[in-house]
C-alpha atoms as a PDB file:
ATOM      1  CA  MET A   1    -134.258  56.669 -68.578  1.00  0.00           C
ATOM      2  CA  LYS A   2    -133.165  53.597 -67.700  1.00  0.00           C
ATOM      3  CA  VAL A   3    -129.532  52.295 -66.970  1.00  0.00           C
ATOM      4  CA  LEU A   4    -127.723  48.942 -66.577  1.00  0.00           C
ATOM      5  CA  VAL A   5    -124.507  48.856 -64.742  1.00  0.00           C
ATOM      6  CA  VAL A   6    -122.338  46.134 -65.370  1.00  0.00           C
ATOM      7  CA  ASP A   7    -119.209  45.573 -63.055  1.00  0.00           C
ATOM      8  CA  ASP A   8    -117.532  42.494 -62.197  1.00  0.00           C
ATOM      9  CA  GLN A   9    -117.626  44.018 -58.285  1.00  0.00           C
ATOM     10  CA  GLU A  10    -120.785  44.335 -56.503  1.00  0.00           C
ATOM     11  CA  ILE A  11    -119.361  47.405 -54.387  1.00  0.00           C
ATOM     12  CA  ASN A  12    -118.523  48.982 -57.893  1.00  0.00           C
ATOM     13  CA  ARG A  13    -122.343  48.502 -58.710  1.00  0.00           C
ATOM     14  CA  LYS A  14    -123.850  49.625 -55.608  1.00  0.00           C
ATOM     15  CA  LEU A  15    -122.602  53.240 -55.661  1.00  0.00           C
ATOM     16  CA  PRO A  16    -123.935  54.409 -59.155  1.00  0.00           C
ATOM     17  CA  MET A  17    -126.958  52.328 -58.389  1.00  0.00           C
ATOM     18  CA  ALA A  18    -127.983  53.977 -55.302  1.00  0.00           C
ATOM     19  CA  ILE A  19    -127.020  57.569 -56.706  1.00  0.00           C
ATOM     20  CA  LEU A  20    -129.300  56.901 -59.606  1.00  0.00           C
ATOM     21  CA  LYS A  21    -132.506  55.432 -57.697  1.00  0.00           C
ATOM     22  CA  LYS A  22    -132.063  58.468 -55.613  1.00  0.00           C
ATOM     23  CA  TYR A  23    -132.837  60.511 -58.759  1.00  0.00           C
ATOM     24  CA  GLY A  24    -135.762  58.096 -59.533  1.00  0.00           C
ATOM     25  CA  VAL A  25    -133.879  56.535 -62.499  1.00  0.00           C
ATOM     26  CA  GLU A  26    -134.668  52.764 -63.070  1.00  0.00           C
ATOM     27  CA  VAL A  27    -131.536  50.805 -62.775  1.00  0.00           C
ATOM     28  CA  LEU A  28    -130.458  47.223 -63.786  1.00  0.00           C
ATOM     29  CA  ASP A  29    -127.185  45.550 -62.909  1.00  0.00           C
ATOM     30  CA  ALA A  30    -125.275  42.461 -63.899  1.00  0.00           C
ATOM     31  CA  GLU A  31    -121.770  41.144 -62.833  1.00  0.00           C
ATOM     32  CA  ASP A  32    -120.133  40.102 -66.403  1.00  0.00           C
ATOM     33  CA  GLY A  33    -120.675  40.837 -69.769  1.00  0.00           C
ATOM     34  CA  PRO A  34    -122.366  38.243 -71.143  1.00  0.00           C
ATOM     35  CA  THR A  35    -125.197  39.039 -68.565  1.00  0.00           C
ATOM     36  CA  GLY A  36    -125.123  42.439 -69.461  1.00  0.00           C
ATOM     37  CA  LEU A  37    -125.636  41.788 -73.445  1.00  0.00           C
ATOM     38  CA  SER A  38    -128.571  39.469 -72.153  1.00  0.00           C
ATOM     39  CA  LEU A  39    -130.573  42.013 -70.224  1.00  0.00           C
ATOM     40  CA  LEU A  40    -129.900  44.387 -72.861  1.00  0.00           C
ATOM     41  CA  GLN A  41    -131.804  41.959 -75.150  1.00  0.00           C
ATOM     42  CA  GLN A  42    -134.283  41.226 -72.348  1.00  0.00           C
ATOM     43  CA  TYR A  43    -134.996  45.393 -71.829  1.00  0.00           C
ATOM     44  CA  PRO A  44    -134.823  47.017 -75.356  1.00  0.00           C
ATOM     45  CA  ASP A  45    -135.741  50.075 -73.264  1.00  0.00           C
ATOM     46  CA  ILE A  46    -132.498  50.458 -71.626  1.00  0.00           C
ATOM     47  CA  THR A  47    -131.096  53.816 -72.886  1.00  0.00           C
ATOM     48  CA  HIS A  48    -127.770  54.050 -70.825  1.00  0.00           C
ATOM     49  CA  LEU A  49    -124.912  51.403 -70.267  1.00  0.00           C
ATOM     50  CA  LEU A  50    -122.430  51.903 -67.394  1.00  0.00           C
ATOM     51  CA  LEU A  51    -119.827  49.618 -68.311  1.00  0.00           C
ATOM     52  CA  ASP A  52    -116.473  48.547 -66.363  1.00  0.00           C
ATOM     53  CA  VAL A  53    -113.403  48.164 -68.715  1.00  0.00           C
ATOM     54  CA  SER A  54    -111.734  45.415 -66.856  1.00  0.00           C
ATOM     55  CA  MET A  55    -113.785  42.225 -66.178  1.00  0.00           C
ATOM     56  CA  PRO A  56    -112.676  38.693 -66.345  1.00  0.00           C
ATOM     57  CA  GLY A  57    -113.676  36.772 -69.333  1.00  0.00           C
ATOM     58  CA  MET A  58    -115.757  39.605 -71.703  1.00  0.00           C
ATOM     59  CA  GLY A  59    -114.099  42.942 -71.082  1.00  0.00           C
ATOM     60  CA  GLY A  60    -116.326  46.094 -71.297  1.00  0.00           C
ATOM     61  CA  GLU A  61    -114.356  46.928 -74.881  1.00  0.00           C
ATOM     62  CA  GLU A  62    -115.309  43.683 -76.168  1.00  0.00           C
ATOM     63  CA  VAL A  63    -119.184  44.407 -75.055  1.00  0.00           C
ATOM     64  CA  CYS A  64    -118.911  47.529 -76.630  1.00  0.00           C
ATOM     65  CA  ARG A  65    -117.537  46.912 -79.534  1.00  0.00           C
ATOM     66  CA  ILE A  66    -120.458  44.192 -80.051  1.00  0.00           C
ATOM     67  CA  LEU A  67    -122.848  46.663 -79.072  1.00  0.00           C
ATOM     68  CA  ARG A  68    -121.412  49.191 -81.660  1.00  0.00           C
ATOM     69  CA  ALA A  69    -121.716  46.419 -84.508  1.00  0.00           C
ATOM     70  CA  ARG A  70    -125.720  46.009 -83.905  1.00  0.00           C
ATOM     71  CA  PRO A  71    -128.311  48.338 -84.731  1.00  0.00           C
ATOM     72  CA  LEU A  72    -129.885  49.620 -81.377  1.00  0.00           C
ATOM     73  CA  ALA A  73    -133.173  51.428 -81.352  1.00  0.00           C
ATOM     74  CA  PRO A  74    -133.288  53.298 -79.296  1.00  0.00           C
ATOM     75  CA  PRO A  75    -129.519  54.753 -79.591  1.00  0.00           C
ATOM     76  CA  LEU A  76    -127.662  53.413 -76.384  1.00  0.00           C
ATOM     77  CA  GLN A  77    -125.509  55.851 -74.819  1.00  0.00           C
ATOM     78  CA  ILE A  78    -122.384  53.863 -73.389  1.00  0.00           C
ATOM     79  CA  ILE A  79    -120.227  55.118 -70.770  1.00  0.00           C
ATOM     80  CA  ALA A  80    -116.932  53.356 -69.878  1.00  0.00           C
ATOM     81  CA  TYR A  81    -116.625  52.791 -66.002  1.00  0.00           C
ATOM     82  CA  THR A  82    -112.932  51.899 -64.936  1.00  0.00           C
ATOM     83  CA  ALA A  83    -109.673  52.705 -62.660  1.00  0.00           C
ATOM     84  CA  HIS A  84    -107.347  53.141 -65.745  1.00  0.00           C
ATOM     85  CA  ALA A  85    -106.685  56.680 -66.072  1.00  0.00           C
ATOM     86  CA  PHE A  86    -103.375  56.932 -68.127  1.00  0.00           C
ATOM     87  CA  PRO A  87    -103.740  59.036 -71.275  1.00  0.00           C
ATOM     88  CA  SER A  88    -102.619  56.120 -73.965  1.00  0.00           C
ATOM     89  CA  GLU A  89    -105.813  53.760 -72.006  1.00  0.00           C
ATOM     90  CA  LYS A  90    -107.918  56.875 -72.307  1.00  0.00           C
ATOM     91  CA  GLU A  91    -107.460  56.945 -76.172  1.00  0.00           C
ATOM     92  CA  GLN A  92    -107.889  53.093 -76.369  1.00  0.00           C
ATOM     93  CA  ILE A  93    -110.733  52.595 -74.359  1.00  0.00           C
ATOM     94  CA  MET A  94    -112.421  55.827 -76.082  1.00  0.00           C
ATOM     95  CA  ALA A  95    -111.679  54.359 -79.705  1.00  0.00           C
ATOM     96  CA  ALA A  96    -114.040  51.186 -78.608  1.00  0.00           C
ATOM     97  CA  GLY A  97    -116.833  53.047 -79.308  1.00  0.00           C
ATOM     98  CA  PHE A  98    -117.840  54.474 -75.877  1.00  0.00           C
ATOM     99  CA  ASP A  99    -119.457  57.633 -75.458  1.00  0.00           C
ATOM    100  CA  GLU A 100    -118.315  58.965 -71.986  1.00  0.00           C
ATOM    101  CA  LEU A 101    -115.288  57.595 -69.399  1.00  0.00           C
ATOM    102  CA  LEU A 102    -115.545  58.054 -65.871  1.00  0.00           C
ATOM    103  CA  ILE A 103    -112.775  57.014 -63.377  1.00  0.00           C
ATOM    104  CA  LYS A 104    -113.243  55.392 -60.236  1.00  0.00           C
ATOM    105  CA  PRO A 105    -113.886  56.070 -57.628  1.00  0.00           C
ATOM    106  CA  ILE A 106    -116.664  58.179 -59.353  1.00  0.00           C
ATOM    107  CA  SER A 107    -118.543  61.176 -57.819  1.00  0.00           C
ATOM    108  CA  ARG A 108    -122.332  62.015 -57.874  1.00  0.00           C
ATOM    109  CA  ASP A 109    -121.917  64.852 -60.105  1.00  0.00           C
ATOM    110  CA  ASP A 110    -119.360  63.040 -62.557  1.00  0.00           C
ATOM    111  CA  LEU A 111    -122.263  60.425 -63.133  1.00  0.00           C
ATOM    112  CA  LEU A 112    -124.902  62.774 -63.256  1.00  0.00           C
ATOM    113  CA  ARG A 113    -123.056  64.674 -66.236  1.00  0.00           C
ATOM    114  CA  ALA A 114    -122.195  61.707 -67.666  1.00  0.00           C
ATOM    115  CA  LEU A 115    -125.759  60.886 -68.190  1.00  0.00           C
ATOM    116  CA  ASP A 116    -126.606  64.523 -68.926  1.00  0.00           C
ATOM    117  CA  MET A 117    -128.620  64.769 -65.700  1.00  0.00           C
ATOM    118  CA  SER A 118    -126.727  67.394 -64.418  1.00  0.00           C
END
């Protein structure tokens, strides 16, 4: 398993990265959508993407739609990572093509569950 964490706030990348590294997961990170897309091209063996929804410029929903329009091998599990918790926002986020939704601040258990590691 190789995970890419994309979030414009460094502190929001550190927590999931620290948790995953404790479990022996290889983790990469990016501070914005375009950098995340570039890393996905450079590392086609990334299997999971933890993607912040609200980022300046290219947000997570746009990144997710771009990725879902591309044939990816192996398939990429895309997990939304956001502070937006209202039901209408959840529906809109999931409609962009995400596989799972985590609400910030995340817990270790929620992260492991979303990655099918629990």
